[in-house]
Amino acid sequence: MPESLSPETIIHLGGVTLLLIVVFAETGLFFGFFLPGDSLLFTAGLFCHTNFIKLPIATLIVLLIIAATLGTATGYLFGKWFGNYFSHRKENFFYRKKYVDLTQEYFQKYGMMAFVFGRFIPIVRTFLPILAGIAQIDIKKFWLYNTLGATFWVFSVVMAGYWLSYLFPNLTDHLGLIIIVMILVSTTPVILSVISKRIAQRKG
């Protein structure tokens, strides 16, 4: 990950405002898939003990839940209103058909609970609301699972960083290594899915 997009840099440079903007973009705008998600929330929890984030942890969590919920809702509306956009769009750095295929498979496997489980998986977290909009999923169901998923995701990841900073006060000294581990853990399901799909295609 480029240094300019690292969770620590985002929080150091833009504070809570930039933190909320990045979470909003990463959870619903198709070009935001490369932005940090889990690692950014975890780092926000760690930095609640510093001058970079002076908000109470409860306030921070509520604001992040709102940002994540609205970001996903924006993705849903984009998919609903511009559903044909992806079918005619050429692939580039920001868009790959395999991203959509992976997300479709995940949704077919877990149904509406994908909005809860998928929050912890990069790419799926970004493209799922767009596909939900294209599929014209019932808006009431969407808002229910969207809010549930955002709440569970934000609360669990932010609080993990928050409590670990209490248990290990010097944890921020090893932030780079922690972020690398989190990225590897969060992307493992995506990597395994791609590998299994390629193996199945070769056997086919």
N, C-alpha and C. Protein backbone atom coordinates (compact mmCIF):
# COMPACT_ATOMS: atom_id res chain seq x y z
N MET A 1 0.84 -1.20 0.00
CA MET A 1 0.00 0.00 0.00
C MET A 1 0.88 1.24 0.00
N PRO A 2 0.60 2.21 -0.90
CA PRO A 2 1.39 3.45 -0.91
C PRO A 2 1.33 4.15 0.44
N GLU A 3 2.43 4.81 0.79
CA GLU A 3 2.50 5.48 2.08
C GLU A 3 1.40 6.52 2.23
N SER A 4 1.03 7.18 1.11
CA SER A 4 0.01 8.23 1.17
C SER A 4 -1.37 7.68 1.47
N LEU A 5 -1.58 6.36 1.27
CA LEU A 5 -2.87 5.74 1.52
C LEU A 5 -2.87 4.87 2.77
N SER A 6 -1.80 4.88 3.51
CA SER A 6 -1.74 4.07 4.72
C SER A 6 -2.69 4.64 5.76
N PRO A 7 -3.28 3.78 6.60
CA PRO A 7 -4.22 4.25 7.63
C PRO A 7 -3.62 5.33 8.52
N GLU A 8 -2.36 5.15 8.90
CA GLU A 8 -1.71 6.11 9.78
C GLU A 8 -1.61 7.48 9.12
N THR A 9 -1.23 7.49 7.83
CA THR A 9 -1.10 8.76 7.11
C THR A 9 -2.45 9.45 6.96
N ILE A 10 -3.48 8.68 6.64
CA ILE A 10 -4.82 9.25 6.48
C ILE A 10 -5.28 9.94 7.75
N ILE A 11 -5.08 9.29 8.87
CA ILE A 11 -5.53 9.85 10.16
C ILE A 11 -4.64 11.02 10.57
N HIS A 12 -3.35 10.91 10.33
CA HIS A 12 -2.43 11.99 10.70
C HIS A 12 -2.72 13.26 9.91
N LEU A 13 -2.99 13.11 8.62
CA LEU A 13 -3.18 14.27 7.75
C LEU A 13 -4.60 14.85 7.82
N GLY A 14 -5.61 13.98 7.87
CA GLY A 14 -6.98 14.46 7.77
C GLY A 14 -7.84 14.28 8.99
N GLY A 15 -7.32 13.59 10.01
CA GLY A 15 -8.08 13.39 11.23
C GLY A 15 -9.39 12.66 10.99
N VAL A 16 -10.38 12.96 11.80
CA VAL A 16 -11.67 12.26 11.73
C VAL A 16 -12.38 12.53 10.41
N THR A 17 -12.27 13.74 9.91
CA THR A 17 -12.96 14.11 8.67
C THR A 17 -12.54 13.22 7.50
N LEU A 18 -11.24 13.11 7.28
CA LEU A 18 -10.74 12.28 6.18
C LEU A 18 -11.02 10.81 6.47
N LEU A 19 -10.96 10.42 7.71
CA LEU A 19 -11.28 9.04 8.10
C LEU A 19 -12.69 8.67 7.66
N LEU A 20 -13.65 9.54 7.93
CA LEU A 20 -15.04 9.28 7.56
C LEU A 20 -15.23 9.27 6.04
N ILE A 21 -14.53 10.16 5.35
CA ILE A 21 -14.64 10.22 3.88
C ILE A 21 -14.13 8.93 3.25
N VAL A 22 -13.00 8.43 3.75
CA VAL A 22 -12.41 7.21 3.19
C VAL A 22 -13.32 6.01 3.46
N VAL A 23 -13.87 5.90 4.66
CA VAL A 23 -14.78 4.80 4.99
C VAL A 23 -16.01 4.87 4.09
N PHE A 24 -16.54 6.06 3.88
CA PHE A 24 -17.70 6.25 3.00
C PHE A 24 -17.38 5.76 1.58
N ALA A 25 -16.24 6.18 1.04
CA ALA A 25 -15.86 5.82 -0.33
C ALA A 25 -15.57 4.33 -0.46
N GLU A 26 -14.90 3.76 0.52
CA GLU A 26 -14.47 2.35 0.43
C GLU A 26 -15.64 1.38 0.54
N THR A 27 -16.74 1.82 1.11
CA THR A 27 -17.87 0.91 1.33
C THR A 27 -18.97 1.00 0.29
N GLY A 28 -18.80 1.81 -0.76
CA GLY A 28 -19.88 1.88 -1.73
C GLY A 28 -19.54 2.45 -3.08
N LEU A 29 -18.43 3.17 -3.22
CA LEU A 29 -18.03 3.73 -4.50
C LEU A 29 -17.08 2.75 -5.18
N PHE A 30 -17.41 2.33 -6.39
CA PHE A 30 -16.68 1.22 -7.01
C PHE A 30 -15.19 1.50 -7.15
N PHE A 31 -14.80 2.78 -7.27
CA PHE A 31 -13.39 3.11 -7.40
C PHE A 31 -12.68 3.20 -6.05
N GLY A 32 -13.42 2.92 -4.95
CA GLY A 32 -12.82 3.01 -3.63
C GLY A 32 -12.34 1.68 -3.07
N PHE A 33 -12.36 0.63 -3.90
CA PHE A 33 -12.02 -0.70 -3.39
C PHE A 33 -10.59 -0.80 -2.90
N PHE A 34 -9.69 0.04 -3.44
CA PHE A 34 -8.28 -0.06 -3.08
C PHE A 34 -7.95 0.70 -1.80
N LEU A 35 -8.91 1.44 -1.27
CA LEU A 35 -8.67 2.20 -0.05
C LEU A 35 -8.66 1.27 1.16
N PRO A 36 -7.95 1.64 2.24
CA PRO A 36 -7.92 0.78 3.43
C PRO A 36 -9.27 0.76 4.13
N GLY A 37 -9.68 -0.40 4.61
CA GLY A 37 -10.96 -0.53 5.30
C GLY A 37 -10.77 -1.03 6.72
N ASP A 38 -10.56 -2.34 6.85
CA ASP A 38 -10.38 -2.95 8.18
C ASP A 38 -9.19 -2.33 8.92
N SER A 39 -8.08 -2.20 8.23
CA SER A 39 -6.88 -1.65 8.87
C SER A 39 -7.08 -0.20 9.30
N LEU A 40 -7.89 0.56 8.55
CA LEU A 40 -8.16 1.94 8.90
C LEU A 40 -9.01 2.03 10.16
N LEU A 41 -10.02 1.19 10.26
CA LEU A 41 -10.87 1.17 11.47
C LEU A 41 -10.05 0.74 12.68
N PHE A 42 -9.23 -0.27 12.50
CA PHE A 42 -8.40 -0.76 13.61
C PHE A 42 -7.45 0.34 14.09
N THR A 43 -6.84 1.03 13.13
CA THR A 43 -5.92 2.11 13.48
C THR A 43 -6.65 3.25 14.17
N ALA A 44 -7.88 3.53 13.75
CA ALA A 44 -8.68 4.56 14.40
C ALA A 44 -8.92 4.21 15.86
N GLY A 45 -9.16 2.94 16.12
CA GLY A 45 -9.33 2.50 17.51
C GLY A 45 -8.06 2.69 18.32
N LEU A 46 -6.93 2.39 17.70
CA LEU A 46 -5.65 2.58 18.39
C LEU A 46 -5.39 4.05 18.72
N PHE A 47 -5.73 4.92 17.77
CA PHE A 47 -5.41 6.34 17.90
C PHE A 47 -6.40 7.12 18.75
N CYS A 48 -7.40 6.44 19.30
CA CYS A 48 -8.32 7.12 20.21
C CYS A 48 -7.61 7.57 21.48
N HIS A 49 -6.43 7.06 21.71
CA HIS A 49 -5.65 7.43 22.89
C HIS A 49 -4.63 8.53 22.56
N THR A 50 -4.70 9.07 21.35
CA THR A 50 -3.72 10.07 20.94
C THR A 50 -4.40 11.39 20.60
N ASN A 51 -3.60 12.38 20.24
CA ASN A 51 -4.14 13.70 19.88
C ASN A 51 -4.71 13.74 18.47
N PHE A 52 -4.51 12.66 17.69
CA PHE A 52 -5.01 12.65 16.32
C PHE A 52 -6.52 12.44 16.27
N ILE A 53 -7.07 11.71 17.23
CA ILE A 53 -8.51 11.51 17.33
C ILE A 53 -8.91 11.81 18.77
N LYS A 54 -9.53 12.96 18.97
CA LYS A 54 -9.87 13.41 20.32
C LYS A 54 -11.31 13.09 20.70
N LEU A 55 -12.06 12.45 19.79
CA LEU A 55 -13.45 12.12 20.10
C LEU A 55 -13.53 10.95 21.06
N PRO A 56 -14.57 10.88 21.88
CA PRO A 56 -14.83 9.69 22.70
C PRO A 56 -15.05 8.49 21.77
N ILE A 57 -14.68 7.33 22.22
CA ILE A 57 -14.78 6.13 21.38
C ILE A 57 -16.21 5.88 20.91
N ALA A 58 -17.20 6.13 21.77
CA ALA A 58 -18.60 5.91 21.40
C ALA A 58 -19.02 6.83 20.26
N THR A 59 -18.61 8.09 20.34
CA THR A 59 -18.93 9.05 19.28
C THR A 59 -18.27 8.67 17.97
N LEU A 60 -17.01 8.26 18.06
CA LEU A 60 -16.28 7.84 16.86
C LEU A 60 -16.97 6.66 16.19
N ILE A 61 -17.37 5.68 16.96
CA ILE A 61 -18.02 4.49 16.41
C ILE A 61 -19.34 4.86 15.73
N VAL A 62 -20.13 5.71 16.36
CA VAL A 62 -21.41 6.12 15.76
C VAL A 62 -21.18 6.82 14.43
N LEU A 63 -20.21 7.74 14.38
CA LEU A 63 -19.92 8.46 13.14
C LEU A 63 -19.44 7.51 12.04
N LEU A 64 -18.63 6.54 12.40
CA LEU A 64 -18.12 5.57 11.43
C LEU A 64 -19.24 4.67 10.92
N ILE A 65 -20.16 4.29 11.79
CA ILE A 65 -21.30 3.47 11.37
C ILE A 65 -22.15 4.25 10.37
N ILE A 66 -22.37 5.52 10.65
CA ILE A 66 -23.16 6.36 9.74
C ILE A 66 -22.45 6.47 8.38
N ALA A 67 -21.13 6.70 8.40
CA ALA A 67 -20.37 6.82 7.16
C ALA A 67 -20.42 5.53 6.35
N ALA A 68 -20.25 4.38 7.03
CA ALA A 68 -20.27 3.09 6.35
C ALA A 68 -21.66 2.78 5.80
N THR A 69 -22.70 3.12 6.55
CA THR A 69 -24.07 2.87 6.12
C THR A 69 -24.43 3.72 4.92
N LEU A 70 -24.07 4.99 4.96
CA LEU A 70 -24.38 5.90 3.85
C LEU A 70 -23.55 5.56 2.62
N GLY A 71 -22.31 5.12 2.83
CA GLY A 71 -21.49 4.71 1.70
C GLY A 71 -22.10 3.53 0.96
N THR A 72 -22.55 2.53 1.71
CA THR A 72 -23.19 1.37 1.12
C THR A 72 -24.49 1.75 0.43
N ALA A 73 -25.25 2.65 1.04
CA ALA A 73 -26.50 3.11 0.44
C ALA A 73 -26.24 3.82 -0.88
N THR A 74 -25.16 4.57 -0.95
CA THR A 74 -24.79 5.25 -2.19
C THR A 74 -24.46 4.24 -3.28
N GLY A 75 -23.74 3.18 -2.90
CA GLY A 75 -23.46 2.11 -3.86
C GLY A 75 -24.72 1.45 -4.36
N TYR A 76 -25.68 1.24 -3.46
CA TYR A 76 -26.96 0.63 -3.84
C TYR A 76 -27.69 1.51 -4.86
N LEU A 77 -27.75 2.81 -4.59
CA LEU A 77 -28.44 3.73 -5.49
C LEU A 77 -27.73 3.82 -6.85
N PHE A 78 -26.40 3.77 -6.82
CA PHE A 78 -25.64 3.78 -8.07
C PHE A 78 -26.00 2.56 -8.91
N GLY A 79 -26.04 1.40 -8.27
CA GLY A 79 -26.39 0.18 -8.99
C GLY A 79 -27.82 0.21 -9.50
N LYS A 80 -28.70 0.79 -8.74
CA LYS A 80 -30.12 0.85 -9.11
C LYS A 80 -30.36 1.79 -10.29
N TRP A 81 -29.65 2.90 -10.31
CA TRP A 81 -29.88 3.92 -11.34
C TRP A 81 -28.99 3.75 -12.57
N PHE A 82 -27.81 3.15 -12.38
CA PHE A 82 -26.88 3.02 -13.49
C PHE A 82 -26.44 1.57 -13.66
N GLY A 83 -27.41 0.67 -13.60
CA GLY A 83 -27.11 -0.76 -13.64
C GLY A 83 -26.39 -1.20 -14.90
N ASN A 84 -26.65 -0.53 -16.03
CA ASN A 84 -26.03 -0.92 -17.30
C ASN A 84 -24.61 -0.39 -17.44
N TYR A 85 -24.18 0.42 -16.47
CA TYR A 85 -22.86 1.05 -16.55
C TYR A 85 -21.76 0.00 -16.62
N PHE A 86 -21.85 -1.02 -15.77
CA PHE A 86 -20.79 -2.02 -15.71
C PHE A 86 -20.82 -2.98 -16.89
N SER A 87 -22.01 -3.23 -17.43
CA SER A 87 -22.11 -4.18 -18.54
C SER A 87 -21.45 -3.64 -19.81
N HIS A 88 -21.29 -2.33 -19.91
CA HIS A 88 -20.68 -1.73 -21.09
C HIS A 88 -19.31 -1.10 -20.79
N ARG A 89 -18.88 -1.19 -19.56
CA ARG A 89 -17.63 -0.54 -19.19
C ARG A 89 -16.42 -1.44 -19.47
N LYS A 90 -15.39 -0.84 -20.03
CA LYS A 90 -14.15 -1.57 -20.26
C LYS A 90 -13.38 -1.71 -18.96
N GLU A 91 -12.62 -2.78 -18.85
CA GLU A 91 -11.86 -3.02 -17.64
C GLU A 91 -10.69 -2.04 -17.54
N ASN A 92 -10.40 -1.63 -16.32
CA ASN A 92 -9.24 -0.78 -16.05
C ASN A 92 -8.80 -1.04 -14.62
N PHE A 93 -7.93 -0.19 -14.08
CA PHE A 93 -7.42 -0.40 -12.72
C PHE A 93 -8.54 -0.41 -11.70
N PHE A 94 -9.56 0.44 -11.90
CA PHE A 94 -10.63 0.59 -10.93
C PHE A 94 -11.73 -0.45 -11.10
N TYR A 95 -11.77 -1.10 -12.25
CA TYR A 95 -12.86 -2.06 -12.49
C TYR A 95 -12.35 -3.30 -13.19
N ARG A 96 -12.65 -4.44 -12.60
CA ARG A 96 -12.36 -5.73 -13.19
C ARG A 96 -13.62 -6.59 -13.08
N LYS A 97 -13.92 -7.29 -14.13
CA LYS A 97 -15.12 -8.13 -14.11
C LYS A 97 -15.03 -9.18 -13.02
N LYS A 98 -13.82 -9.62 -12.71
CA LYS A 98 -13.65 -10.65 -11.68
C LYS A 98 -14.10 -10.15 -10.31
N TYR A 99 -14.04 -8.83 -10.08
CA TYR A 99 -14.53 -8.27 -8.82
C TYR A 99 -16.03 -8.49 -8.70
N VAL A 100 -16.72 -8.23 -9.80
CA VAL A 100 -18.17 -8.39 -9.81
C VAL A 100 -18.54 -9.87 -9.68
N ASP A 101 -17.82 -10.73 -10.40
CA ASP A 101 -18.10 -12.17 -10.35
C ASP A 101 -17.90 -12.71 -8.94
N LEU A 102 -16.82 -12.29 -8.28
CA LEU A 102 -16.54 -12.74 -6.92
C LEU A 102 -17.65 -12.30 -5.98
N THR A 103 -18.11 -11.08 -6.12
CA THR A 103 -19.16 -10.55 -5.26
C THR A 103 -20.48 -11.27 -5.51
N GLN A 104 -20.79 -11.55 -6.77
CA GLN A 104 -22.02 -12.28 -7.09
C GLN A 104 -22.02 -13.67 -6.46
N GLU A 105 -20.89 -14.34 -6.53
CA GLU A 105 -20.78 -15.67 -5.93
C GLU A 105 -20.98 -15.60 -4.43
N TYR A 106 -20.43 -14.59 -3.80
CA TYR A 106 -20.56 -14.43 -2.36
C TYR A 106 -22.00 -14.17 -1.97
N PHE A 107 -22.69 -13.35 -2.76
CA PHE A 107 -24.08 -13.04 -2.46
C PHE A 107 -24.97 -14.26 -2.67
N GLN A 108 -24.70 -15.02 -3.72
CA GLN A 108 -25.48 -16.23 -3.98
C GLN A 108 -25.30 -17.25 -2.86
N LYS A 109 -24.14 -17.25 -2.25
CA LYS A 109 -23.85 -18.22 -1.19
C LYS A 109 -24.49 -17.83 0.14
N TYR A 110 -24.46 -16.55 0.48
CA TYR A 110 -24.92 -16.11 1.80
C TYR A 110 -26.20 -15.28 1.81
N GLY A 111 -26.69 -14.90 0.64
CA GLY A 111 -27.93 -14.11 0.61
C GLY A 111 -27.74 -12.77 1.30
N MET A 112 -28.76 -12.31 2.00
CA MET A 112 -28.71 -11.00 2.64
C MET A 112 -27.65 -10.94 3.76
N MET A 113 -27.29 -12.08 4.33
CA MET A 113 -26.26 -12.08 5.36
C MET A 113 -24.89 -11.72 4.79
N ALA A 114 -24.79 -11.68 3.47
CA ALA A 114 -23.54 -11.25 2.85
C ALA A 114 -23.23 -9.81 3.22
N PHE A 115 -24.28 -9.03 3.54
CA PHE A 115 -24.06 -7.64 3.95
C PHE A 115 -23.42 -7.56 5.33
N VAL A 116 -23.49 -8.65 6.07
CA VAL A 116 -22.85 -8.71 7.39
C VAL A 116 -21.45 -9.33 7.26
N PHE A 117 -21.39 -10.55 6.70
CA PHE A 117 -20.10 -11.24 6.55
C PHE A 117 -19.19 -10.52 5.55
N GLY A 118 -19.81 -10.02 4.46
CA GLY A 118 -19.02 -9.39 3.41
C GLY A 118 -18.36 -8.10 3.82
N ARG A 119 -18.79 -7.51 4.92
CA ARG A 119 -18.16 -6.28 5.41
C ARG A 119 -16.69 -6.51 5.75
N PHE A 120 -16.32 -7.75 6.05
CA PHE A 120 -14.96 -8.03 6.46
C PHE A 120 -14.08 -8.47 5.29
N ILE A 121 -14.62 -8.40 4.06
CA ILE A 121 -13.86 -8.85 2.90
C ILE A 121 -13.73 -7.71 1.89
N PRO A 122 -12.50 -7.25 1.66
CA PRO A 122 -12.30 -6.19 0.66
C PRO A 122 -12.87 -6.61 -0.70
N ILE A 123 -13.20 -5.68 -1.52
CA ILE A 123 -13.81 -5.86 -2.83
C ILE A 123 -15.27 -6.24 -2.68
N VAL A 124 -15.57 -7.33 -1.95
CA VAL A 124 -16.96 -7.70 -1.70
C VAL A 124 -17.67 -6.56 -0.99
N ARG A 125 -17.00 -5.98 -0.01
CA ARG A 125 -17.57 -4.87 0.77
C ARG A 125 -17.92 -3.68 -0.14
N THR A 126 -17.13 -3.47 -1.19
CA THR A 126 -17.34 -2.34 -2.08
C THR A 126 -18.38 -2.62 -3.15
N PHE A 127 -18.34 -3.80 -3.76
CA PHE A 127 -19.18 -4.07 -4.91
C PHE A 127 -20.54 -4.67 -4.55
N LEU A 128 -20.68 -5.23 -3.36
CA LEU A 128 -21.95 -5.87 -2.98
C LEU A 128 -23.14 -4.91 -3.03
N PRO A 129 -23.05 -3.71 -2.47
CA PRO A 129 -24.21 -2.81 -2.54
C PRO A 129 -24.56 -2.40 -3.96
N ILE A 130 -23.56 -2.29 -4.83
CA ILE A 130 -23.82 -1.94 -6.22
C ILE A 130 -24.62 -3.04 -6.90
N LEU A 131 -24.22 -4.29 -6.66
CA LEU A 131 -24.95 -5.43 -7.24
C LEU A 131 -26.34 -5.54 -6.64
N ALA A 132 -26.48 -5.20 -5.36
CA ALA A 132 -27.80 -5.22 -4.73
C ALA A 132 -28.73 -4.23 -5.40
N GLY A 133 -28.18 -3.07 -5.77
CA GLY A 133 -28.98 -2.08 -6.47
C GLY A 133 -29.36 -2.53 -7.86
N ILE A 134 -28.43 -3.16 -8.56
CA ILE A 134 -28.72 -3.68 -9.90
C ILE A 134 -29.81 -4.73 -9.84
N ALA A 135 -29.76 -5.58 -8.79
CA ALA A 135 -30.75 -6.65 -8.62
C ALA A 135 -32.08 -6.14 -8.06
N GLN A 136 -32.15 -4.85 -7.73
CA GLN A 136 -33.39 -4.25 -7.20
C GLN A 136 -33.87 -4.96 -5.93
N ILE A 137 -32.91 -5.26 -5.04
CA ILE A 137 -33.25 -5.90 -3.77
C ILE A 137 -34.18 -4.98 -2.97
N ASP A 138 -35.14 -5.57 -2.28
CA ASP A 138 -36.10 -4.80 -1.49
C ASP A 138 -35.38 -3.80 -0.60
N ILE A 139 -35.78 -2.53 -0.68
CA ILE A 139 -35.08 -1.46 0.01
C ILE A 139 -35.14 -1.62 1.53
N LYS A 140 -36.25 -2.15 2.06
CA LYS A 140 -36.38 -2.33 3.51
C LYS A 140 -35.39 -3.38 4.01
N LYS A 141 -35.29 -4.48 3.28
CA LYS A 141 -34.33 -5.53 3.64
C LYS A 141 -32.90 -4.99 3.53
N PHE A 142 -32.68 -4.22 2.47
CA PHE A 142 -31.34 -3.68 2.26
C PHE A 142 -30.92 -2.80 3.44
N TRP A 143 -31.79 -1.89 3.87
CA TRP A 143 -31.44 -0.98 4.95
C TRP A 143 -31.22 -1.74 6.27
N LEU A 144 -32.02 -2.78 6.49
CA LEU A 144 -31.87 -3.57 7.71
C LEU A 144 -30.50 -4.24 7.77
N TYR A 145 -30.13 -4.96 6.71
CA TYR A 145 -28.88 -5.69 6.71
C TYR A 145 -27.68 -4.76 6.50
N ASN A 146 -27.90 -3.68 5.81
CA ASN A 146 -26.86 -2.68 5.63
C ASN A 146 -26.46 -2.09 6.98
N THR A 147 -27.44 -1.68 7.76
CA THR A 147 -27.18 -1.10 9.07
C THR A 147 -26.58 -2.12 10.03
N LEU A 148 -27.12 -3.35 9.99
CA LEU A 148 -26.61 -4.41 10.85
C LEU A 148 -25.15 -4.71 10.53
N GLY A 149 -24.85 -4.84 9.25
CA GLY A 149 -23.48 -5.15 8.84
C GLY A 149 -22.51 -4.03 9.19
N ALA A 150 -22.92 -2.78 8.96
CA ALA A 150 -22.05 -1.65 9.27
C ALA A 150 -21.77 -1.57 10.76
N THR A 151 -22.80 -1.79 11.55
CA THR A 151 -22.66 -1.71 13.01
C THR A 151 -21.71 -2.79 13.52
N PHE A 152 -21.91 -4.02 13.08
CA PHE A 152 -21.08 -5.14 13.53
C PHE A 152 -19.63 -4.95 13.09
N TRP A 153 -19.44 -4.52 11.85
CA TRP A 153 -18.09 -4.34 11.30
C TRP A 153 -17.34 -3.24 12.04
N VAL A 154 -17.94 -2.07 12.11
CA VAL A 154 -17.27 -0.92 12.73
C VAL A 154 -16.99 -1.19 14.21
N PHE A 155 -18.00 -1.64 14.93
CA PHE A 155 -17.85 -1.83 16.37
C PHE A 155 -16.76 -2.85 16.69
N SER A 156 -16.78 -4.00 16.00
CA SER A 156 -15.82 -5.06 16.32
C SER A 156 -14.39 -4.68 15.98
N VAL A 157 -14.17 -4.06 14.83
CA VAL A 157 -12.80 -3.74 14.41
C VAL A 157 -12.24 -2.55 15.18
N VAL A 158 -13.05 -1.50 15.36
CA VAL A 158 -12.57 -0.34 16.11
C VAL A 158 -12.29 -0.70 17.57
N MET A 159 -13.19 -1.45 18.17
CA MET A 159 -13.00 -1.82 19.57
C MET A 159 -11.81 -2.76 19.75
N ALA A 160 -11.52 -3.57 18.74
CA ALA A 160 -10.34 -4.45 18.82
C ALA A 160 -9.08 -3.59 18.95
N GLY A 161 -8.97 -2.56 18.12
CA GLY A 161 -7.83 -1.67 18.21
C GLY A 161 -7.81 -0.88 19.50
N TYR A 162 -8.99 -0.45 19.93
CA TYR A 162 -9.11 0.37 21.15
C TYR A 162 -8.66 -0.41 22.38
N TRP A 163 -9.15 -1.63 22.55
CA TRP A 163 -8.81 -2.40 23.74
C TRP A 163 -7.38 -2.93 23.70
N LEU A 164 -6.90 -3.27 22.51
CA LEU A 164 -5.52 -3.74 22.41
C LEU A 164 -4.53 -2.63 22.76
N SER A 165 -4.91 -1.38 22.46
CA SER A 165 -4.02 -0.27 22.82
C SER A 165 -3.94 -0.09 24.33
N TYR A 166 -4.99 -0.51 25.03
CA TYR A 166 -4.97 -0.48 26.49
C TYR A 166 -4.07 -1.61 27.03
N LEU A 167 -4.23 -2.78 26.45
CA LEU A 167 -3.47 -3.93 26.92
C LEU A 167 -1.99 -3.82 26.57
N PHE A 168 -1.72 -3.24 25.39
CA PHE A 168 -0.33 -3.10 24.92
C PHE A 168 -0.09 -1.65 24.53
N PRO A 169 0.27 -0.80 25.47
CA PRO A 169 0.42 0.64 25.22
C PRO A 169 1.41 0.98 24.10
N ASN A 170 2.38 0.12 23.85
CA ASN A 170 3.39 0.40 22.83
C ASN A 170 3.04 -0.21 21.47
N LEU A 171 1.79 -0.60 21.32
CA LEU A 171 1.38 -1.29 20.09
C LEU A 171 1.55 -0.40 18.86
N THR A 172 1.36 0.91 19.01
CA THR A 172 1.48 1.81 17.87
C THR A 172 2.90 1.85 17.31
N ASP A 173 3.87 1.40 18.09
CA ASP A 173 5.25 1.36 17.60
C ASP A 173 5.43 0.29 16.54
N HIS A 174 4.50 -0.65 16.48
CA HIS A 174 4.58 -1.75 15.51
C HIS A 174 3.41 -1.71 14.54
N LEU A 175 2.88 -0.51 14.30
CA LEU A 175 1.67 -0.36 13.49
C LEU A 175 1.84 -0.87 12.07
N GLY A 176 3.01 -0.64 11.49
CA GLY A 176 3.26 -1.09 10.12
C GLY A 176 3.09 -2.59 9.98
N LEU A 177 3.69 -3.34 10.91
CA LEU A 177 3.59 -4.80 10.88
C LEU A 177 2.15 -5.26 11.10
N ILE A 178 1.44 -4.59 12.02
CA ILE A 178 0.06 -4.95 12.32
C ILE A 178 -0.83 -4.76 11.09
N ILE A 179 -0.63 -3.68 10.39
CA ILE A 179 -1.44 -3.39 9.20
C ILE A 179 -1.18 -4.43 8.11
N ILE A 180 0.09 -4.82 7.95
CA ILE A 180 0.41 -5.84 6.95
C ILE A 180 -0.30 -7.15 7.28
N VAL A 181 -0.27 -7.54 8.55
CA VAL A 181 -0.94 -8.77 8.98
C VAL A 181 -2.44 -8.68 8.73
N MET A 182 -3.05 -7.52 9.05
CA MET A 182 -4.49 -7.36 8.85
C MET A 182 -4.87 -7.43 7.38
N ILE A 183 -4.04 -6.83 6.53
CA ILE A 183 -4.30 -6.88 5.09
C ILE A 183 -4.23 -8.31 4.59
N LEU A 184 -3.23 -9.06 5.05
CA LEU A 184 -3.09 -10.45 4.63
C LEU A 184 -4.29 -11.28 5.08
N VAL A 185 -4.72 -11.07 6.33
CA VAL A 185 -5.84 -11.83 6.87
C VAL A 185 -7.14 -11.50 6.12
N SER A 186 -7.38 -10.21 5.87
CA SER A 186 -8.63 -9.79 5.24
C SER A 186 -8.70 -10.18 3.77
N THR A 187 -7.55 -10.26 3.10
CA THR A 187 -7.55 -10.60 1.67
C THR A 187 -7.44 -12.10 1.42
N THR A 188 -7.15 -12.88 2.44
CA THR A 188 -7.03 -14.33 2.27
C THR A 188 -8.27 -14.97 1.65
N PRO A 189 -9.50 -14.64 2.12
CA PRO A 189 -10.69 -15.24 1.49
C PRO A 189 -10.80 -14.93 0.01
N VAL A 190 -10.42 -13.72 -0.40
CA VAL A 190 -10.47 -13.33 -1.80
C VAL A 190 -9.47 -14.15 -2.60
N ILE A 191 -8.26 -14.26 -2.09
CA ILE A 191 -7.21 -15.01 -2.78
C ILE A 191 -7.60 -16.48 -2.93
N LEU A 192 -8.12 -17.06 -1.84
CA LEU A 192 -8.53 -18.47 -1.88
C LEU A 192 -9.66 -18.69 -2.86
N SER A 193 -10.59 -17.75 -2.93
CA SER A 193 -11.72 -17.87 -3.85
C SER A 193 -11.25 -17.83 -5.30
N VAL A 194 -10.31 -16.92 -5.60
CA VAL A 194 -9.78 -16.82 -6.96
C VAL A 194 -9.03 -18.09 -7.34
N ILE A 195 -8.23 -18.61 -6.41
CA ILE A 195 -7.45 -19.82 -6.69
C ILE A 195 -8.37 -21.02 -6.92
N SER A 196 -9.39 -21.18 -6.05
CA SER A 196 -10.31 -22.32 -6.20
C SER A 196 -11.08 -22.23 -7.50
N LYS A 197 -11.42 -21.00 -7.91
CA LYS A 197 -12.16 -20.82 -9.16
C LYS A 197 -11.29 -21.20 -10.36
N ARG A 198 -10.02 -20.84 -10.33
CA ARG A 198 -9.11 -21.15 -11.42
C ARG A 198 -8.87 -22.66 -11.49
N ILE A 199 -8.77 -23.30 -10.32
CA ILE A 199 -8.60 -24.75 -10.31
C ILE A 199 -9.81 -25.45 -10.91
N ALA A 200 -11.01 -24.95 -10.55
CA ALA A 200 -12.24 -25.52 -11.09
C ALA A 200 -12.33 -25.33 -12.59
N GLN A 201 -11.88 -24.17 -13.09
CA GLN A 201 -11.91 -23.90 -14.53
C GLN A 201 -10.96 -24.83 -15.28
N ARG A 202 -9.80 -25.09 -14.68
CA ARG A 202 -8.84 -25.99 -15.33
C ARG A 202 -9.36 -27.41 -15.38
N LYS A 203 -10.01 -27.83 -14.29
CA LYS A 203 -10.58 -29.18 -14.27
C LYS A 203 -11.73 -29.29 -15.26
N GLY A 204 -12.48 -28.18 -15.40
CA GLY A 204 -13.60 -28.18 -16.33
C GLY A 204 -13.13 -28.26 -17.78
